[in-house]
Amino acid sequence: MAAKAQALTRAIRQLLEYKGWFVWKGGTGAVRLNEGRFARFGSLGAADLFALKGGRLIALEIKSKTDRPRPAQISFGESINSHGGFYLIVRSVTELANAVEGL
């Protein structure tokens, strides 16, 4: 993750925690096993951050101004929304502040 994206993620997390949300990091990855094999962990397309407050769950995919979500991320977001959560693609702290104001 580029330094700019890390700074945005940190700022978003700080804002949510300041507003009383419980926040944790999501994501997926892989570990290298022997003989060049890899094992994946996490859910494909999982959001970057999750936040919970008052029984409401938001899943946040953090993107730069030009990045687009991958199909697996869109699918993950649709699953979150269909189960009563909120999936947000966030490109700035201001955008997030406006989105969570009504939650």
N, C-alpha and C. Protein backbone atom coordinates (compact mmCIF):
# COMPACT_ATOMS: atom_id res chain seq x y z
N MET A 1 0.86 -1.18 0.00
CA MET A 1 0.00 0.00 0.00
C MET A 1 0.90 1.23 0.00
N ALA A 2 0.63 2.17 -0.86
CA ALA A 2 1.44 3.37 -0.96
C ALA A 2 1.28 4.23 0.29
N ALA A 3 2.27 5.07 0.52
CA ALA A 3 2.27 5.92 1.71
C ALA A 3 1.03 6.80 1.79
N LYS A 4 0.58 7.31 0.62
CA LYS A 4 -0.62 8.15 0.60
C LYS A 4 -1.85 7.37 1.06
N ALA A 5 -1.99 6.15 0.59
CA ALA A 5 -3.13 5.31 0.98
C ALA A 5 -3.05 4.95 2.46
N GLN A 6 -1.85 4.71 2.96
CA GLN A 6 -1.68 4.40 4.38
C GLN A 6 -2.08 5.60 5.24
N ALA A 7 -1.69 6.80 4.82
CA ALA A 7 -2.05 8.01 5.57
C ALA A 7 -3.56 8.22 5.56
N LEU A 8 -4.21 7.97 4.41
CA LEU A 8 -5.66 8.11 4.33
C LEU A 8 -6.34 7.08 5.22
N THR A 9 -5.87 5.84 5.19
CA THR A 9 -6.44 4.80 6.04
C THR A 9 -6.31 5.16 7.52
N ARG A 10 -5.15 5.66 7.91
CA ARG A 10 -4.92 6.06 9.30
C ARG A 10 -5.86 7.20 9.70
N ALA A 11 -6.02 8.20 8.84
CA ALA A 11 -6.90 9.33 9.13
C ALA A 11 -8.35 8.89 9.24
N ILE A 12 -8.77 7.99 8.37
CA ILE A 12 -10.14 7.47 8.41
C ILE A 12 -10.38 6.71 9.71
N ARG A 13 -9.42 5.88 10.06
CA ARG A 13 -9.54 5.12 11.31
C ARG A 13 -9.63 6.05 12.51
N GLN A 14 -8.80 7.07 12.55
CA GLN A 14 -8.81 8.03 13.66
C GLN A 14 -10.15 8.76 13.76
N LEU A 15 -10.70 9.16 12.62
CA LEU A 15 -11.99 9.84 12.62
C LEU A 15 -13.08 8.93 13.18
N LEU A 16 -13.12 7.69 12.70
CA LEU A 16 -14.15 6.76 13.18
C LEU A 16 -14.01 6.49 14.67
N GLU A 17 -12.80 6.27 15.13
CA GLU A 17 -12.59 6.02 16.56
C GLU A 17 -12.98 7.24 17.39
N TYR A 18 -12.68 8.43 16.91
CA TYR A 18 -13.06 9.66 17.59
C TYR A 18 -14.58 9.76 17.71
N LYS A 19 -15.28 9.28 16.67
CA LYS A 19 -16.74 9.31 16.66
C LYS A 19 -17.36 8.13 17.41
N GLY A 20 -16.53 7.31 18.05
CA GLY A 20 -17.04 6.23 18.89
C GLY A 20 -17.22 4.88 18.21
N TRP A 21 -16.70 4.71 17.00
CA TRP A 21 -16.81 3.44 16.29
C TRP A 21 -15.69 2.51 16.75
N PHE A 22 -15.98 1.22 16.81
CA PHE A 22 -14.97 0.18 17.02
C PHE A 22 -14.48 -0.20 15.63
N VAL A 23 -13.17 -0.06 15.38
CA VAL A 23 -12.62 -0.21 14.03
C VAL A 23 -11.56 -1.31 14.02
N TRP A 24 -11.58 -2.13 12.96
CA TRP A 24 -10.53 -3.11 12.78
C TRP A 24 -10.20 -3.26 11.30
N LYS A 25 -8.98 -3.73 11.06
CA LYS A 25 -8.48 -3.89 9.69
C LYS A 25 -9.00 -5.18 9.10
N GLY A 26 -9.40 -5.11 7.85
CA GLY A 26 -9.84 -6.29 7.11
C GLY A 26 -8.77 -6.70 6.12
N GLY A 27 -9.20 -7.21 5.02
CA GLY A 27 -8.27 -7.54 3.96
C GLY A 27 -8.04 -9.02 3.78
N THR A 28 -7.24 -9.32 2.79
CA THR A 28 -6.89 -10.69 2.45
C THR A 28 -5.41 -10.74 2.13
N GLY A 29 -4.91 -11.92 1.93
CA GLY A 29 -3.50 -12.06 1.59
C GLY A 29 -3.14 -13.50 1.31
N ALA A 30 -1.84 -13.72 1.26
CA ALA A 30 -1.34 -15.07 1.01
C ALA A 30 -0.02 -15.24 1.74
N VAL A 31 0.27 -16.46 2.11
CA VAL A 31 1.56 -16.80 2.70
C VAL A 31 2.22 -17.86 1.82
N ARG A 32 3.52 -17.74 1.72
CA ARG A 32 4.26 -18.70 0.90
C ARG A 32 4.53 -19.96 1.69
N LEU A 33 4.19 -21.07 1.09
CA LEU A 33 4.46 -22.37 1.68
C LEU A 33 5.72 -22.92 1.01
N ASN A 34 5.97 -24.18 1.17
CA ASN A 34 7.15 -24.78 0.54
C ASN A 34 6.94 -24.98 -0.96
N GLU A 35 8.01 -25.13 -1.67
CA GLU A 35 8.01 -25.43 -3.10
C GLU A 35 7.19 -24.44 -3.92
N GLY A 36 7.22 -23.16 -3.52
CA GLY A 36 6.55 -22.13 -4.31
C GLY A 36 5.04 -22.11 -4.22
N ARG A 37 4.47 -22.88 -3.31
CA ARG A 37 3.01 -22.88 -3.15
C ARG A 37 2.60 -21.77 -2.19
N PHE A 38 1.38 -21.29 -2.37
CA PHE A 38 0.85 -20.23 -1.53
C PHE A 38 -0.47 -20.67 -0.91
N ALA A 39 -0.77 -20.14 0.26
CA ALA A 39 -2.07 -20.36 0.90
C ALA A 39 -2.72 -18.99 1.11
N ARG A 40 -3.95 -18.84 0.64
CA ARG A 40 -4.67 -17.58 0.80
C ARG A 40 -5.39 -17.56 2.14
N PHE A 41 -5.58 -16.35 2.67
CA PHE A 41 -6.39 -16.18 3.87
C PHE A 41 -7.30 -14.97 3.70
N GLY A 42 -8.38 -14.96 4.46
CA GLY A 42 -9.35 -13.87 4.37
C GLY A 42 -10.35 -14.13 3.25
N SER A 43 -11.32 -13.26 3.15
CA SER A 43 -12.35 -13.36 2.11
C SER A 43 -11.92 -12.55 0.90
N LEU A 44 -12.04 -13.15 -0.26
CA LEU A 44 -11.67 -12.47 -1.49
C LEU A 44 -12.49 -11.19 -1.63
N GLY A 45 -11.81 -10.07 -1.84
CA GLY A 45 -12.49 -8.79 -2.01
C GLY A 45 -12.85 -8.08 -0.72
N ALA A 46 -12.43 -8.63 0.43
CA ALA A 46 -12.80 -8.04 1.73
C ALA A 46 -12.37 -6.58 1.81
N ALA A 47 -13.13 -5.81 2.54
CA ALA A 47 -12.88 -4.38 2.70
C ALA A 47 -11.58 -4.14 3.48
N ASP A 48 -11.06 -2.91 3.35
CA ASP A 48 -9.83 -2.54 4.05
C ASP A 48 -10.05 -2.35 5.55
N LEU A 49 -11.15 -1.72 5.91
CA LEU A 49 -11.48 -1.48 7.31
C LEU A 49 -12.94 -1.84 7.56
N PHE A 50 -13.21 -2.26 8.80
CA PHE A 50 -14.57 -2.50 9.27
C PHE A 50 -14.79 -1.65 10.51
N ALA A 51 -16.02 -1.18 10.70
CA ALA A 51 -16.34 -0.39 11.87
C ALA A 51 -17.72 -0.78 12.37
N LEU A 52 -17.86 -0.78 13.69
CA LEU A 52 -19.11 -1.21 14.33
C LEU A 52 -19.47 -0.20 15.41
N LYS A 53 -20.75 0.21 15.41
CA LYS A 53 -21.25 1.14 16.43
C LYS A 53 -22.76 1.00 16.51
N GLY A 54 -23.25 0.80 17.72
CA GLY A 54 -24.70 0.73 17.92
C GLY A 54 -25.38 -0.33 17.07
N GLY A 55 -24.71 -1.44 16.82
CA GLY A 55 -25.30 -2.50 16.03
C GLY A 55 -25.22 -2.28 14.53
N ARG A 56 -24.56 -1.23 14.10
CA ARG A 56 -24.40 -0.95 12.67
C ARG A 56 -22.98 -1.28 12.24
N LEU A 57 -22.88 -1.98 11.13
CA LEU A 57 -21.58 -2.37 10.58
C LEU A 57 -21.34 -1.63 9.28
N ILE A 58 -20.15 -1.04 9.16
CA ILE A 58 -19.76 -0.48 7.88
C ILE A 58 -18.45 -1.14 7.45
N ALA A 59 -18.37 -1.44 6.18
CA ALA A 59 -17.17 -2.00 5.57
C ALA A 59 -16.65 -0.93 4.61
N LEU A 60 -15.39 -0.57 4.78
CA LEU A 60 -14.82 0.55 4.03
C LEU A 60 -13.74 0.08 3.08
N GLU A 61 -13.95 0.32 1.81
CA GLU A 61 -12.92 0.07 0.81
C GLU A 61 -12.29 1.42 0.51
N ILE A 62 -11.01 1.56 0.81
CA ILE A 62 -10.33 2.84 0.67
C ILE A 62 -9.60 2.87 -0.67
N LYS A 63 -9.93 3.87 -1.46
CA LYS A 63 -9.38 4.00 -2.82
C LYS A 63 -8.87 5.42 -3.04
N SER A 64 -7.88 5.53 -3.90
CA SER A 64 -7.41 6.85 -4.31
C SER A 64 -8.44 7.44 -5.26
N LYS A 65 -8.22 8.65 -5.66
CA LYS A 65 -9.17 9.33 -6.56
C LYS A 65 -9.35 8.59 -7.88
N THR A 66 -8.31 7.88 -8.35
CA THR A 66 -8.38 7.23 -9.66
C THR A 66 -8.57 5.72 -9.60
N ASP A 67 -8.37 5.11 -8.43
CA ASP A 67 -8.53 3.65 -8.30
C ASP A 67 -9.99 3.26 -8.44
N ARG A 68 -10.20 2.09 -9.03
CA ARG A 68 -11.55 1.53 -9.16
C ARG A 68 -11.59 0.21 -8.38
N PRO A 69 -12.73 -0.08 -7.76
CA PRO A 69 -12.85 -1.37 -7.06
C PRO A 69 -12.82 -2.53 -8.05
N ARG A 70 -12.20 -3.62 -7.63
CA ARG A 70 -12.16 -4.84 -8.44
C ARG A 70 -13.51 -5.56 -8.34
N PRO A 71 -13.82 -6.42 -9.30
CA PRO A 71 -15.10 -7.15 -9.25
C PRO A 71 -15.32 -7.89 -7.92
N ALA A 72 -14.28 -8.51 -7.36
CA ALA A 72 -14.43 -9.22 -6.09
C ALA A 72 -14.80 -8.25 -4.97
N GLN A 73 -14.29 -7.03 -5.02
CA GLN A 73 -14.62 -6.03 -4.00
C GLN A 73 -16.07 -5.58 -4.13
N ILE A 74 -16.53 -5.40 -5.36
CA ILE A 74 -17.93 -5.05 -5.59
C ILE A 74 -18.84 -6.16 -5.08
N SER A 75 -18.50 -7.39 -5.37
CA SER A 75 -19.29 -8.54 -4.92
C SER A 75 -19.33 -8.61 -3.39
N PHE A 76 -18.18 -8.39 -2.75
CA PHE A 76 -18.12 -8.39 -1.29
C PHE A 76 -19.03 -7.30 -0.74
N GLY A 77 -18.97 -6.12 -1.34
CA GLY A 77 -19.81 -5.01 -0.89
C GLY A 77 -21.30 -5.31 -1.03
N GLU A 78 -21.67 -5.95 -2.12
CA GLU A 78 -23.07 -6.32 -2.32
C GLU A 78 -23.53 -7.30 -1.25
N SER A 79 -22.64 -8.21 -0.85
CA SER A 79 -22.98 -9.17 0.22
C SER A 79 -23.17 -8.45 1.55
N ILE A 80 -22.28 -7.51 1.86
CA ILE A 80 -22.42 -6.73 3.11
C ILE A 80 -23.76 -6.00 3.11
N ASN A 81 -24.07 -5.30 2.02
CA ASN A 81 -25.33 -4.55 1.93
C ASN A 81 -26.55 -5.45 2.02
N SER A 82 -26.50 -6.62 1.40
CA SER A 82 -27.65 -7.52 1.41
C SER A 82 -27.91 -8.13 2.78
N HIS A 83 -26.91 -8.08 3.66
CA HIS A 83 -27.07 -8.61 5.02
C HIS A 83 -27.28 -7.51 6.06
N GLY A 84 -27.59 -6.30 5.59
CA GLY A 84 -27.94 -5.23 6.51
C GLY A 84 -26.79 -4.32 6.91
N GLY A 85 -25.60 -4.56 6.40
CA GLY A 85 -24.48 -3.67 6.67
C GLY A 85 -24.41 -2.56 5.65
N PHE A 86 -23.38 -1.76 5.75
CA PHE A 86 -23.16 -0.66 4.81
C PHE A 86 -21.76 -0.80 4.23
N TYR A 87 -21.66 -0.84 2.92
CA TYR A 87 -20.38 -0.92 2.23
C TYR A 87 -20.12 0.42 1.58
N LEU A 88 -18.98 1.01 1.90
CA LEU A 88 -18.65 2.32 1.34
C LEU A 88 -17.30 2.28 0.66
N ILE A 89 -17.23 2.87 -0.51
CA ILE A 89 -15.95 3.11 -1.16
C ILE A 89 -15.59 4.54 -0.80
N VAL A 90 -14.46 4.70 -0.12
CA VAL A 90 -14.09 6.00 0.44
C VAL A 90 -12.81 6.50 -0.22
N ARG A 91 -12.85 7.77 -0.65
CA ARG A 91 -11.69 8.37 -1.30
C ARG A 91 -11.12 9.55 -0.53
N SER A 92 -11.81 9.98 0.55
CA SER A 92 -11.31 11.08 1.37
C SER A 92 -11.96 11.03 2.75
N VAL A 93 -11.33 11.69 3.70
CA VAL A 93 -11.87 11.76 5.06
C VAL A 93 -13.19 12.53 5.05
N THR A 94 -13.25 13.60 4.27
CA THR A 94 -14.49 14.40 4.18
C THR A 94 -15.64 13.57 3.64
N GLU A 95 -15.36 12.77 2.62
CA GLU A 95 -16.39 11.90 2.05
C GLU A 95 -16.91 10.93 3.11
N LEU A 96 -16.01 10.36 3.90
CA LEU A 96 -16.43 9.45 4.96
C LEU A 96 -17.24 10.17 6.02
N ALA A 97 -16.77 11.34 6.45
CA ALA A 97 -17.48 12.09 7.49
C ALA A 97 -18.93 12.38 7.06
N ASN A 98 -19.12 12.75 5.81
CA ASN A 98 -20.47 13.00 5.30
C ASN A 98 -21.30 11.72 5.26
N ALA A 99 -20.68 10.60 4.88
CA ALA A 99 -21.41 9.34 4.74
C ALA A 99 -21.85 8.78 6.10
N VAL A 100 -21.02 8.88 7.13
CA VAL A 100 -21.37 8.28 8.41
C VAL A 100 -22.19 9.21 9.30
N GLU A 101 -22.35 10.45 8.91
CA GLU A 101 -23.11 11.40 9.72
C GLU A 101 -24.52 10.90 10.00
N GLY A 102 -25.14 10.27 9.02
CA GLY A 102 -26.51 9.80 9.20
C GLY A 102 -26.63 8.41 9.80
N LEU A 103 -25.52 7.74 10.05
CA LEU A 103 -25.60 6.38 10.57
C LEU A 103 -25.70 6.36 12.08
